[in-house]
PDB file of N, CA and C in Angstrom:
ATOM      1  N   GLN A   1       9.660 -10.860-105.960  1.00  0.00           N
ATOM      2  CA  GLN A   1       8.917  -9.630-106.121  1.00  0.00           C
ATOM      3  C   GLN A   1       9.658  -8.697-107.060  1.00  0.00           C
ATOM      4  N   GLY A   2       8.850  -8.161-108.038  1.00  0.00           N
ATOM      5  CA  GLY A   2       9.442  -7.209-108.966  1.00  0.00           C
ATOM      6  C   GLY A   2      10.304  -7.854-110.000  1.00  0.00           C
ATOM      7  N   GLN A   3      10.337  -9.179-110.084  1.00  0.00           N
ATOM      8  CA  GLN A   3      11.182  -9.856-111.050  1.00  0.00           C
ATOM      9  C   GLN A   3      10.577  -9.824-112.435  1.00  0.00           C
ATOM     10  N   LEU A   4       9.252  -9.771-112.517  1.00  0.00           N
ATOM     11  CA  LEU A   4       8.558  -9.873-113.787  1.00  0.00           C
ATOM     12  C   LEU A   4       7.611  -8.691-113.968  1.00  0.00           C
ATOM     13  N   ALA A   5       7.616  -8.100-115.153  1.00  0.00           N
ATOM     14  CA  ALA A   5       6.754  -6.959-115.431  1.00  0.00           C
ATOM     15  C   ALA A   5       6.036  -7.192-116.746  1.00  0.00           C
ATOM     16  N   GLU A   6       4.701  -7.304-116.665  1.00  0.00           N
ATOM     17  CA  GLU A   6       3.905  -7.531-117.868  1.00  0.00           C
ATOM     18  C   GLU A   6       3.470  -6.197-118.474  1.00  0.00           C
ATOM     19  N   SER A   7       3.222  -6.238-119.769  1.00  0.00           N
ATOM     20  CA  SER A   7       2.656  -5.092-120.467  1.00  0.00           C
ATOM     21  C   SER A   7       1.949  -5.590-121.721  1.00  0.00           C
ATOM     22  N   GLY A   8       1.115  -4.728-122.301  1.00  0.00           N
ATOM     23  CA  GLY A   8       0.490  -5.049-123.574  1.00  0.00           C
ATOM     24  C   GLY A   8      -0.982  -5.375-123.527  1.00  0.00           C
ATOM     25  N   GLY A   9      -1.572  -5.437-122.335  1.00  0.00           N
ATOM     26  CA  GLY A   9      -2.993  -5.719-122.268  1.00  0.00           C
ATOM     27  C   GLY A   9      -3.820  -4.543-122.741  1.00  0.00           C
ATOM     28  N   GLY A  10      -5.131  -4.769-122.827  1.00  0.00           N
ATOM     29  CA  GLY A  10      -6.014  -3.696-123.243  1.00  0.00           C
ATOM     30  C   GLY A  10      -7.363  -4.213-123.699  1.00  0.00           C
ATOM     31  N   LEU A  11      -8.110  -3.328-124.337  1.00  0.00           N
ATOM     32  CA  LEU A  11      -9.439  -3.656-124.867  1.00  0.00           C
ATOM     33  C   LEU A  11      -9.320  -3.879-126.376  1.00  0.00           C
ATOM     34  N   VAL A  12      -9.868  -4.971-126.856  1.00  0.00           N
ATOM     35  CA  VAL A  12      -9.807  -5.289-128.286  1.00  0.00           C
ATOM     36  C   VAL A  12     -11.124  -5.922-128.708  1.00  0.00           C
ATOM     37  N   GLN A  13     -11.482  -5.734-129.954  1.00  0.00           N
ATOM     38  CA  GLN A  13     -12.717  -6.324-130.467  1.00  0.00           C
ATOM     39  C   GLN A  13     -12.507  -7.805-130.790  1.00  0.00           C
ATOM     40  N   PRO A  14     -13.576  -8.583-130.783  1.00  0.00           N
ATOM     41  CA  PRO A  14     -13.458  -9.992-131.194  1.00  0.00           C
ATOM     42  C   PRO A  14     -12.827 -10.100-132.576  1.00  0.00           C
ATOM     43  N   GLY A  15     -11.925 -11.067-132.698  1.00  0.00           N
ATOM     44  CA  GLY A  15     -11.191 -11.234-133.943  1.00  0.00           C
ATOM     45  C   GLY A  15      -9.905 -10.437-134.004  1.00  0.00           C
ATOM     46  N   GLY A  16      -9.691  -9.559-133.047  1.00  0.00           N
ATOM     47  CA  GLY A  16      -8.504  -8.720-133.013  1.00  0.00           C
ATOM     48  C   GLY A  16      -7.304  -9.433-132.423  1.00  0.00           C
ATOM     49  N   PHE A  17      -6.241  -8.654-132.209  1.00  0.00           N
ATOM     50  CA  PHE A  17      -5.016  -9.241-131.687  1.00  0.00           C
ATOM     51  C   PHE A  17      -4.360  -8.305-130.676  1.00  0.00           C
ATOM     52  N   LEU A  18      -3.545  -8.924-129.826  1.00  0.00           N
ATOM     53  CA  LEU A  18      -2.723  -8.207-128.849  1.00  0.00           C
ATOM     54  C   LEU A  18      -1.424  -8.987-128.679  1.00  0.00           C
ATOM     55  N   ARG A  19      -0.387  -8.290-128.259  1.00  0.00           N
ATOM     56  CA  ARG A  19       0.852  -8.956-127.881  1.00  0.00           C
ATOM     57  C   ARG A  19       1.215  -8.551-126.469  1.00  0.00           C
ATOM     58  N   LEU A  20       1.319  -9.539-125.605  1.00  0.00           N
ATOM     59  CA  LEU A  20       1.746  -9.310-124.235  1.00  0.00           C
ATOM     60  C   LEU A  20       3.251  -9.510-124.128  1.00  0.00           C
ATOM     61  N   SER A  21       3.865  -8.714-123.268  1.00  0.00           N
ATOM     62  CA  SER A  21       5.292  -8.838-122.997  1.00  0.00           C
ATOM     63  C   SER A  21       5.524  -9.058-121.514  1.00  0.00           C
ATOM     64  N   CYS A  22       6.517  -9.852-121.198  1.00  0.00           N
ATOM     65  CA  CYS A  22       6.910 -10.093-119.815  1.00  0.00           C
ATOM     66  C   CYS A  22       8.416  -9.892-119.737  1.00  0.00           C
ATOM     67  N   ALA A  23       8.818  -8.786-119.120  1.00  0.00           N
ATOM     68  CA  ALA A  23      10.227  -8.461-118.996  1.00  0.00           C
ATOM     69  C   ALA A  23      10.736  -8.916-117.636  1.00  0.00           C
ATOM     70  N   ALA A  24      11.794  -9.703-117.647  1.00  0.00           N
ATOM     71  CA  ALA A  24      12.392 -10.197-116.406  1.00  0.00           C
ATOM     72  C   ALA A  24      13.549  -9.298-115.989  1.00  0.00           C
ATOM     73  N   SER A  25      13.764  -9.237-114.675  1.00  0.00           N
ATOM     74  CA  SER A  25      14.810  -8.368-114.146  1.00  0.00           C
ATOM     75  C   SER A  25      16.186  -9.015-114.217  1.00  0.00           C
ATOM     76  N   ARG A  26      16.234 -10.277-114.649  1.00  0.00           N
ATOM     77  CA  ARG A  26      17.506 -10.951-114.792  1.00  0.00           C
ATOM     78  C   ARG A  26      17.424 -11.909-115.970  1.00  0.00           C
ATOM     79  N   SER A  27      18.506 -12.587-116.244  1.00  0.00           N
ATOM     80  CA  SER A  27      18.540 -13.485-117.384  1.00  0.00           C
ATOM     81  C   SER A  27      17.459 -14.549-117.286  1.00  0.00           C
ATOM     82  N   ILE A  28      16.708 -14.708-118.368  1.00  0.00           N
ATOM     83  CA  ILE A  28      15.637 -15.704-118.337  1.00  0.00           C
ATOM     84  C   ILE A  28      16.171 -17.123-118.430  1.00  0.00           C
ATOM     85  N   PHE A  29      17.464 -17.271-118.669  1.00  0.00           N
ATOM     86  CA  PHE A  29      18.059 -18.602-118.614  1.00  0.00           C
ATOM     87  C   PHE A  29      18.110 -19.126-117.181  1.00  0.00           C
ATOM     88  N   SER A  30      17.914 -18.236-116.215  1.00  0.00           N
ATOM     89  CA  SER A  30      17.899 -18.673-114.819  1.00  0.00           C
ATOM     90  C   SER A  30      16.596 -19.373-114.452  1.00  0.00           C
ATOM     91  N   PHE A  31      15.616 -19.325-115.355  1.00  0.00           N
ATOM     92  CA  PHE A  31      14.316 -19.960-115.105  1.00  0.00           C
ATOM     93  C   PHE A  31      14.189 -21.225-115.950  1.00  0.00           C
ATOM     94  N   TYR A  32      13.761 -22.322-115.322  1.00  0.00           N
ATOM     95  CA  TYR A  32      13.610 -23.570-116.077  1.00  0.00           C
ATOM     96  C   TYR A  32      12.339 -23.572-116.902  1.00  0.00           C
ATOM     97  N   ILE A  33      11.415 -22.677-116.583  1.00  0.00           N
ATOM     98  CA  ILE A  33      10.178 -22.561-117.352  1.00  0.00           C
ATOM     99  C   ILE A  33       9.650 -21.142-117.200  1.00  0.00           C
ATOM    100  N   MET A  34       9.053 -20.640-118.255  1.00  0.00           N
ATOM    101  CA  MET A  34       8.332 -19.376-118.198  1.00  0.00           C
ATOM    102  C   MET A  34       7.024 -19.551-118.948  1.00  0.00           C
ATOM    103  N   GLY A  35       6.025 -18.798-118.522  1.00  0.00           N
ATOM    104  CA  GLY A  35       4.752 -18.978-119.184  1.00  0.00           C
ATOM    105  C   GLY A  35       3.754 -17.896-118.857  1.00  0.00           C
ATOM    106  N   TRP A  36       2.585 -18.079-119.409  1.00  0.00           N
ATOM    107  CA  TRP A  36       1.461 -17.179-119.189  1.00  0.00           C
ATOM    108  C   TRP A  36       0.282 -17.967-118.644  1.00  0.00           C
ATOM    109  N   TYR A  37      -0.320 -17.424-117.615  1.00  0.00           N
ATOM    110  CA  TYR A  37      -1.555 -17.938-117.055  1.00  0.00           C
ATOM    111  C   TYR A  37      -2.608 -16.833-117.179  1.00  0.00           C
ATOM    112  N   ARG A  38      -3.850 -17.216-117.020  1.00  0.00           N
ATOM    113  CA  ARG A  38      -4.918 -16.220-117.005  1.00  0.00           C
ATOM    114  C   ARG A  38      -5.985 -16.601-115.990  1.00  0.00           C
ATOM    115  N   GLN A  39      -6.669 -15.576-115.506  1.00  0.00           N
ATOM    116  CA  GLN A  39      -7.746 -15.805-114.555  1.00  0.00           C
ATOM    117  C   GLN A  39      -8.905 -14.889-114.899  1.00  0.00           C
ATOM    118  N   ALA A  40     -10.019 -15.502-115.240  1.00  0.00           N
ATOM    119  CA  ALA A  40     -11.243 -14.770-115.521  1.00  0.00           C
ATOM    120  C   ALA A  40     -12.052 -14.635-114.235  1.00  0.00           C
ATOM    121  N   PRO A  41     -12.932 -13.658-114.165  1.00  0.00           N
ATOM    122  CA  PRO A  41     -13.738 -13.470-112.947  1.00  0.00           C
ATOM    123  C   PRO A  41     -14.499 -14.735-112.573  1.00  0.00           C
ATOM    124  N   GLY A  42     -14.375 -15.145-111.317  1.00  0.00           N
ATOM    125  CA  GLY A  42     -15.087 -16.310-110.830  1.00  0.00           C
ATOM    126  C   GLY A  42     -14.512 -17.641-111.242  1.00  0.00           C
ATOM    127  N   LYS A  43     -13.348 -17.605-111.906  1.00  0.00           N
ATOM    128  CA  LYS A  43     -12.736 -18.853-112.366  1.00  0.00           C
ATOM    129  C   LYS A  43     -11.339 -19.010-111.773  1.00  0.00           C
ATOM    130  N   GLN A  44     -10.839 -20.241-111.825  1.00  0.00           N
ATOM    131  CA  GLN A  44      -9.490 -20.501-111.338  1.00  0.00           C
ATOM    132  C   GLN A  44      -8.458 -20.035-112.362  1.00  0.00           C
ATOM    133  N   ARG A  45      -7.267 -19.739-111.871  1.00  0.00           N
ATOM    134  CA  ARG A  45      -6.174 -19.396-112.766  1.00  0.00           C
ATOM    135  C   ARG A  45      -5.814 -20.628-113.586  1.00  0.00           C
ATOM    136  N   GLU A  46      -5.604 -20.431-114.893  1.00  0.00           N
ATOM    137  CA  GLU A  46      -5.299 -21.554-115.766  1.00  0.00           C
ATOM    138  C   GLU A  46      -4.096 -21.258-116.637  1.00  0.00           C
ATOM    139  N   LEU A  47      -3.386 -22.317-117.004  1.00  0.00           N
ATOM    140  CA  LEU A  47      -2.247 -22.176-117.897  1.00  0.00           C
ATOM    141  C   LEU A  47      -2.734 -21.816-119.293  1.00  0.00           C
ATOM    142  N   VAL A  48      -2.059 -20.842-119.900  1.00  0.00           N
ATOM    143  CA  VAL A  48      -2.319 -20.498-121.295  1.00  0.00           C
ATOM    144  C   VAL A  48      -1.237 -21.113-122.177  1.00  0.00           C
ATOM    145  N   ALA A  49       0.017 -20.857-121.835  1.00  0.00           N
ATOM    146  CA  ALA A  49       1.135 -21.378-122.616  1.00  0.00           C
ATOM    147  C   ALA A  49       2.406 -21.266-121.796  1.00  0.00           C
ATOM    148  N   ASP A  50       3.359 -22.164-122.062  1.00  0.00           N
ATOM    149  CA  ASP A  50       4.656 -22.028-121.427  1.00  0.00           C
ATOM    150  C   ASP A  50       5.763 -22.398-122.393  1.00  0.00           C
ATOM    151  N   ILE A  51       7.001 -22.051-122.008  1.00  0.00           N
ATOM    152  CA  ILE A  51       8.143 -22.248-122.896  1.00  0.00           C
ATOM    153  C   ILE A  51       9.385 -22.522-122.062  1.00  0.00           C
ATOM    154  N   THR A  52      10.199 -23.473-122.522  1.00  0.00           N
ATOM    155  CA  THR A  52      11.434 -23.816-121.830  1.00  0.00           C
ATOM    156  C   THR A  52      12.598 -23.004-122.399  1.00  0.00           C
ATOM    157  N   PRO A  53      13.745 -23.036-121.716  1.00  0.00           N
ATOM    158  CA  PRO A  53      14.914 -22.329-122.272  1.00  0.00           C
ATOM    159  C   PRO A  53      15.296 -22.836-123.657  1.00  0.00           C
ATOM    160  N   GLY A  54      15.014 -24.097-123.924  1.00  0.00           N
ATOM    161  CA  GLY A  54      15.331 -24.660-125.228  1.00  0.00           C
ATOM    162  C   GLY A  54      14.317 -24.316-126.301  1.00  0.00           C
ATOM    163  N   GLY A  55      13.211 -23.687-125.897  1.00  0.00           N
ATOM    164  CA  GLY A  55      12.206 -23.262-126.860  1.00  0.00           C
ATOM    165  C   GLY A  55      11.047 -24.214-127.034  1.00  0.00           C
ATOM    166  N   SER A  56      10.986 -25.271-126.244  1.00  0.00           N
ATOM    167  CA  SER A  56       9.824 -26.161-126.307  1.00  0.00           C
ATOM    168  C   SER A  56       8.614 -25.448-125.730  1.00  0.00           C
ATOM    169  N   THR A  57       7.480 -25.597-126.412  1.00  0.00           N
ATOM    170  CA  THR A  57       6.277 -24.874-125.999  1.00  0.00           C
ATOM    171  C   THR A  57       5.132 -25.818-125.681  1.00  0.00           C
ATOM    172  N   ASN A  58       4.204 -25.302-124.916  1.00  0.00           N
ATOM    173  CA  ASN A  58       3.020 -26.053-124.501  1.00  0.00           C
ATOM    174  C   ASN A  58       1.864 -25.062-124.460  1.00  0.00           C
ATOM    175  N   TYR A  59       0.695 -25.472-124.980  1.00  0.00           N
ATOM    176  CA  TYR A  59      -0.461 -24.578-125.040  1.00  0.00           C
ATOM    177  C   TYR A  59      -1.713 -25.248-124.493  1.00  0.00           C
ATOM    178  N   ALA A  60      -2.564 -24.432-123.906  1.00  0.00           N
ATOM    179  CA  ALA A  60      -3.893 -24.906-123.564  1.00  0.00           C
ATOM    180  C   ALA A  60      -4.660 -25.182-124.853  1.00  0.00           C
ATOM    181  N   ASP A  61      -5.513 -26.189-124.830  1.00  0.00           N
ATOM    182  CA  ASP A  61      -6.275 -26.541-126.030  1.00  0.00           C
ATOM    183  C   ASP A  61      -7.090 -25.360-126.547  1.00  0.00           C
ATOM    184  N   SER A  62      -7.575 -24.536-125.636  1.00  0.00           N
ATOM    185  CA  SER A  62      -8.457 -23.431-126.017  1.00  0.00           C
ATOM    186  C   SER A  62      -7.755 -22.337-126.819  1.00  0.00           C
ATOM    187  N   VAL A  63      -6.415 -22.313-126.793  1.00  0.00           N
ATOM    188  CA  VAL A  63      -5.696 -21.255-127.495  1.00  0.00           C
ATOM    189  C   VAL A  63      -4.812 -21.776-128.623  1.00  0.00           C
ATOM    190  N   LYS A  64      -4.722 -23.085-128.780  1.00  0.00           N
ATOM    191  CA  LYS A  64      -3.884 -23.655-129.840  1.00  0.00           C
ATOM    192  C   LYS A  64      -4.306 -23.132-131.204  1.00  0.00           C
ATOM    193  N   GLY A  65      -3.318 -22.731-131.977  1.00  0.00           N
ATOM    194  CA  GLY A  65      -3.587 -22.205-133.304  1.00  0.00           C
ATOM    195  C   GLY A  65      -3.892 -20.724-133.326  1.00  0.00           C
ATOM    196  N   ARG A  66      -4.103 -20.127-132.164  1.00  0.00           N
ATOM    197  CA  ARG A  66      -4.409 -18.688-132.089  1.00  0.00           C
ATOM    198  C   ARG A  66      -3.328 -17.903-131.346  1.00  0.00           C
ATOM    199  N   PHE A  67      -2.747 -18.507-130.315  1.00  0.00           N
ATOM    200  CA  PHE A  67      -1.744 -17.834-129.497  1.00  0.00           C
ATOM    201  C   PHE A  67      -0.372 -18.443-129.773  1.00  0.00           C
ATOM    202  N   THR A  68       0.653 -17.605-129.656  1.00  0.00           N
ATOM    203  CA  THR A  68       2.022 -18.067-129.819  1.00  0.00           C
ATOM    204  C   THR A  68       2.890 -17.465-128.722  1.00  0.00           C
ATOM    205  N   ILE A  69       3.582 -18.333-127.997  1.00  0.00           N
ATOM    206  CA  ILE A  69       4.524 -17.877-126.978  1.00  0.00           C
ATOM    207  C   ILE A  69       5.928 -17.910-127.576  1.00  0.00           C
ATOM    208  N   SER A  70       6.717 -16.901-127.234  1.00  0.00           N
ATOM    209  CA  SER A  70       8.083 -16.841-127.738  1.00  0.00           C
ATOM    210  C   SER A  70       8.952 -16.131-126.701  1.00  0.00           C
ATOM    211  N   ARG A  71      10.260 -16.195-126.935  1.00  0.00           N
ATOM    212  CA  ARG A  71      11.179 -15.570-125.992  1.00  0.00           C
ATOM    213  C   ARG A  71      12.306 -14.884-126.743  1.00  0.00           C
ATOM    214  N   ASP A  72      12.764 -13.769-126.184  1.00  0.00           N
ATOM    215  CA  ASP A  72      13.930 -13.053-126.706  1.00  0.00           C
ATOM    216  C   ASP A  72      14.953 -13.055-125.580  1.00  0.00           C
ATOM    217  N   ASN A  73      15.926 -13.955-125.665  1.00  0.00           N
ATOM    218  CA  ASN A  73      16.881 -14.110-124.575  1.00  0.00           C
ATOM    219  C   ASN A  73      17.732 -12.862-124.376  1.00  0.00           C
ATOM    220  N   ALA A  74      18.028 -12.164-125.445  1.00  0.00           N
ATOM    221  CA  ALA A  74      18.858 -10.961-125.332  1.00  0.00           C
ATOM    222  C   ALA A  74      18.141  -9.852-124.562  1.00  0.00           C
ATOM    223  N   LYS A  75      16.819  -9.844-124.651  1.00  0.00           N
ATOM    224  CA  LYS A  75      16.021  -8.812-123.965  1.00  0.00           C
ATOM    225  C   LYS A  75      15.411  -9.317-122.663  1.00  0.00           C
ATOM    226  N   ASN A  76      15.700 -10.585-122.331  1.00  0.00           N
ATOM    227  CA  ASN A  76      15.128 -11.182-121.104  1.00  0.00           C
ATOM    228  C   ASN A  76      13.609 -11.017-121.077  1.00  0.00           C
ATOM    229  N   THR A  77      12.991 -11.279-122.197  1.00  0.00           N
ATOM    230  CA  THR A  77      11.560 -11.032-122.351  1.00  0.00           C
ATOM    231  C   THR A  77      10.879 -12.230-122.995  1.00  0.00           C
ATOM    232  N   VAL A  78       9.692 -12.519-122.499  1.00  0.00           N
ATOM    233  CA  VAL A  78       8.834 -13.543-123.087  1.00  0.00           C
ATOM    234  C   VAL A  78       7.580 -12.852-123.601  1.00  0.00           C
ATOM    235  N   TYR A  79       7.122 -13.299-124.748  1.00  0.00           N
ATOM    236  CA  TYR A  79       5.954 -12.683-125.385  1.00  0.00           C
ATOM    237  C   TYR A  79       4.813 -13.677-125.521  1.00  0.00           C
ATOM    238  N   LEU A  80       3.605 -13.146-125.614  1.00  0.00           N
ATOM    239  CA  LEU A  80       2.437 -13.945-125.963  1.00  0.00           C
ATOM    240  C   LEU A  80       1.689 -13.196-127.053  1.00  0.00           C
ATOM    241  N   GLN A  81       1.787 -13.692-128.269  1.00  0.00           N
ATOM    242  CA  GLN A  81       1.040 -13.131-129.385  1.00  0.00           C
ATOM    243  C   GLN A  81      -0.330 -13.772-129.408  1.00  0.00           C
ATOM    244  N   MET A  82      -1.364 -12.968-129.319  1.00  0.00           N
ATOM    245  CA  MET A  82      -2.723 -13.472-129.248  1.00  0.00           C
ATOM    246  C   MET A  82      -3.496 -12.976-130.462  1.00  0.00           C
ATOM    247  N   ASN A  83      -3.892 -13.889-131.323  1.00  0.00           N
ATOM    248  CA  ASN A  83      -4.657 -13.563-132.525  1.00  0.00           C
ATOM    249  C   ASN A  83      -6.057 -14.159-132.431  1.00  0.00           C
ATOM    250  N   SER A  84      -6.929 -13.674-133.289  1.00  0.00           N
ATOM    251  CA  SER A  84      -8.307 -14.181-133.352  1.00  0.00           C
ATOM    252  C   SER A  84      -8.933 -14.241-131.960  1.00  0.00           C
ATOM    253  N   LEU A  85      -8.811 -13.152-131.244  1.00  0.00           N
ATOM    254  CA  LEU A  85      -9.278 -13.119-129.858  1.00  0.00           C
ATOM    255  C   LEU A  85     -10.794 -13.277-129.778  1.00  0.00           C
ATOM    256  N   LYS A  86     -11.215 -13.949-128.726  1.00  0.00           N
ATOM    257  CA  LYS A  86     -12.627 -14.219-128.476  1.00  0.00           C
ATOM    258  C   LYS A  86     -13.031 -13.603-127.137  1.00  0.00           C
ATOM    259  N   PRO A  87     -14.310 -13.328-126.955  1.00  0.00           N
ATOM    260  CA  PRO A  87     -14.748 -12.784-125.656  1.00  0.00           C
ATOM    261  C   PRO A  87     -14.337 -13.673-124.483  1.00  0.00           C
ATOM    262  N   GLU A  88     -14.295 -14.977-124.703  1.00  0.00           N
ATOM    263  CA  GLU A  88     -13.916 -15.887-123.611  1.00  0.00           C
ATOM    264  C   GLU A  88     -12.432 -15.825-123.264  1.00  0.00           C
ATOM    265  N   ASP A  89     -11.653 -15.075-124.036  1.00  0.00           N
ATOM    266  CA  ASP A  89     -10.256 -14.845-123.682  1.00  0.00           C
ATOM    267  C   ASP A  89     -10.102 -13.714-122.667  1.00  0.00           C
ATOM    268  N   THR A  90     -11.184 -13.043-122.370  1.00  0.00           N
ATOM    269  CA  THR A  90     -11.135 -11.953-121.396  1.00  0.00           C
ATOM    270  C   THR A  90     -10.702 -12.466-120.030  1.00  0.00           C
ATOM    271  N   ALA A  91      -9.662 -11.861-119.486  1.00  0.00           N
ATOM    272  CA  ALA A  91      -9.092 -12.307-118.207  1.00  0.00           C
ATOM    273  C   ALA A  91      -7.935 -11.390-117.834  1.00  0.00           C
ATOM    274  N   VAL A  92      -7.458 -11.565-116.620  1.00  0.00           N
ATOM    275  CA  VAL A  92      -6.172 -10.982-116.235  1.00  0.00           C
ATOM    276  C   VAL A  92      -5.103 -12.017-116.584  1.00  0.00           C
ATOM    277  N   TYR A  93      -4.110 -11.586-117.318  1.00  0.00           N
ATOM    278  CA  TYR A  93      -3.038 -12.476-117.759  1.00  0.00           C
ATOM    279  C   TYR A  93      -1.799 -12.238-116.900  1.00  0.00           C
ATOM    280  N   TYR A  94      -1.250 -13.335-116.395  1.00  0.00           N
ATOM    281  CA  TYR A  94      -0.102 -13.275-115.510  1.00  0.00           C
ATOM    282  C   TYR A  94       1.098 -13.976-116.149  1.00  0.00           C
ATOM    283  N   CYS A  95       2.237 -13.365-116.016  1.00  0.00           N
ATOM    284  CA  CYS A  95       3.489 -14.001-116.405  1.00  0.00           C
ATOM    285  C   CYS A  95       3.998 -14.823-115.225  1.00  0.00           C
ATOM    286  N   MET A  96       4.570 -15.971-115.530  1.00  0.00           N
ATOM    287  CA  MET A  96       5.096 -16.871-114.508  1.00  0.00           C
ATOM    288  C   MET A  96       6.485 -17.306-114.890  1.00  0.00           C
ATOM    289  N   ALA A  97       7.353 -17.448-113.887  1.00  0.00           N
ATOM    290  CA  ALA A  97       8.695 -17.969-114.121  1.00  0.00           C
ATOM    291  C   ALA A  97       9.062 -18.894-112.978  1.00  0.00           C
ATOM    292  N   GLY A  98       9.637 -20.046-113.319  1.00  0.00           N
ATOM    293  CA  GLY A  98      10.000 -21.021-112.314  1.00  0.00           C
ATOM    294  C   GLY A  98      11.503 -21.221-112.231  1.00  0.00           C
ATOM    295  N   ASN A  99      12.021 -21.240-111.015  1.00  0.00           N
ATOM    296  CA  ASN A  99      13.414 -21.613-110.809  1.00  0.00           C
ATOM    297  C   ASN A  99      13.508 -22.425-109.536  1.00  0.00           C
ATOM    298  N   ILE A 100      14.733 -22.699-109.086  1.00  0.00           N
ATOM    299  CA  ILE A 100      14.936 -23.584-107.955  1.00  0.00           C
ATOM    300  C   ILE A 100      14.283 -23.049-106.687  1.00  0.00           C
ATOM    301  N   ALA A 101      14.071 -21.737-106.625  1.00  0.00           N
ATOM    302  CA  ALA A 101      13.478 -21.136-105.424  1.00  0.00           C
ATOM    303  C   ALA A 101      11.970 -21.215-105.425  1.00  0.00           C
ATOM    304  N   GLY A 102      11.371 -21.559-106.560  1.00  0.00           N
ATOM    305  CA  GLY A 102       9.926 -21.630-106.659  1.00  0.00           C
ATOM    306  C   GLY A 102       9.402 -20.874-107.861  1.00  0.00           C
ATOM    307  N   LEU A 103       8.166 -20.429-107.771  1.00  0.00           N
ATOM    308  CA  LEU A 103       7.532 -19.716-108.873  1.00  0.00           C
ATOM    309  C   LEU A 103       7.439 -18.228-108.561  1.00  0.00           C
ATOM    310  N   ALA A 104       7.719 -17.418-109.564  1.00  0.00           N
ATOM    311  CA  ALA A 104       7.536 -15.978-109.448  1.00  0.00           C
ATOM    312  C   ALA A 104       6.404 -15.555-110.376  1.00  0.00           C
ATOM    313  N   TRP A 105       5.657 -14.560-109.972  1.00  0.00           N
ATOM    314  CA  TRP A 105       4.513 -14.079-110.752  1.00  0.00           C
ATOM    315  C   TRP A 105       4.617 -12.583-110.973  1.00  0.00           C
ATOM    316  N   GLY A 106       4.127 -12.158-112.136  1.00  0.00           N
ATOM    317  CA  GLY A 106       3.980 -10.746-112.369  1.00  0.00           C
ATOM    318  C   GLY A 106       2.689 -10.226-111.743  1.00  0.00           C
ATOM    319  N   GLN A 107       2.461  -8.925-111.885  1.00  0.00           N
ATOM    320  CA  GLN A 107       1.281  -8.289-111.293  1.00  0.00           C
ATOM    321  C   GLN A 107       0.021  -8.552-112.103  1.00  0.00           C
ATOM    322  N   GLY A 108       0.176  -8.923-113.345  1.00  0.00           N
ATOM    323  CA  GLY A 108      -0.984  -9.194-114.195  1.00  0.00           C
ATOM    324  C   GLY A 108      -1.325  -8.015-115.088  1.00  0.00           C
ATOM    325  N   THR A 109      -1.893  -8.323-116.239  1.00  0.00           N
ATOM    326  CA  THR A 109      -2.354  -7.296-117.173  1.00  0.00           C
ATOM    327  C   THR A 109      -3.732  -7.714-117.699  1.00  0.00           C
ATOM    328  N   GLN A 110      -4.640  -6.758-117.714  1.00  0.00           N
ATOM    329  CA  GLN A 110      -6.026  -7.054-118.111  1.00  0.00           C
ATOM    330  C   GLN A 110      -6.150  -7.109-119.623  1.00  0.00           C
ATOM    331  N   VAL A 111      -6.793  -8.171-120.088  1.00  0.00           N
ATOM    332  CA  VAL A 111      -7.166  -8.299-121.499  1.00  0.00           C
ATOM    333  C   VAL A 111      -8.677  -8.405-121.558  1.00  0.00           C
ATOM    334  N   THR A 112      -9.303  -7.506-122.299  1.00  0.00           N
ATOM    335  CA  THR A 112     -10.752  -7.508-122.454  1.00  0.00           C
ATOM    336  C   THR A 112     -11.090  -7.580-123.928  1.00  0.00           C
ATOM    337  N   VAL A 113     -11.866  -8.595-124.293  1.00  0.00           N
ATOM    338  CA  VAL A 113     -12.281  -8.782-125.689  1.00  0.00           C
ATOM    339  C   VAL A 113     -13.780  -8.532-125.753  1.00  0.00           C
ATOM    340  N   SER A 114     -14.148  -7.435-126.377  1.00  0.00           N
ATOM    341  CA  SER A 114     -15.548  -7.036-126.392  1.00  0.00           C
ATOM    342  C   SER A 114     -15.803  -6.088-127.553  1.00  0.00           C
ATOM    343  N   SER A 115     -17.015  -6.176-128.092  1.00  0.00           N
ATOM    344  CA  SER A 115     -17.410  -5.256-129.155  1.00  0.00           C
ATOM    345  C   SER A 115     -18.117  -4.049-128.569  1.00  0.00           C
TER     346      SER A 115
END
């Protein structure tokens, strides 16, 4: 609880961009994986992208070529750059971090793509 704090959500027009940030309360090297999930109304939470300490990344097919996950180890922060946003990207976006104790989740940040 309180380990992860997301920011950067908001309302954007189709074709626009946003950058989400996930600040961890401790070194992100303590997590074997970090990532972003999203949940749209009436749908299950789904993986958007994740990244390992070594920088290996994984993306959902629906966001490949549009979203980029990155990490700043000095700032203990993981980012999600979202470009060419579509209405179907509208969801609450959650930061996730995994370590030996299990998975930690942020509170979520709303992203709404609408004209």
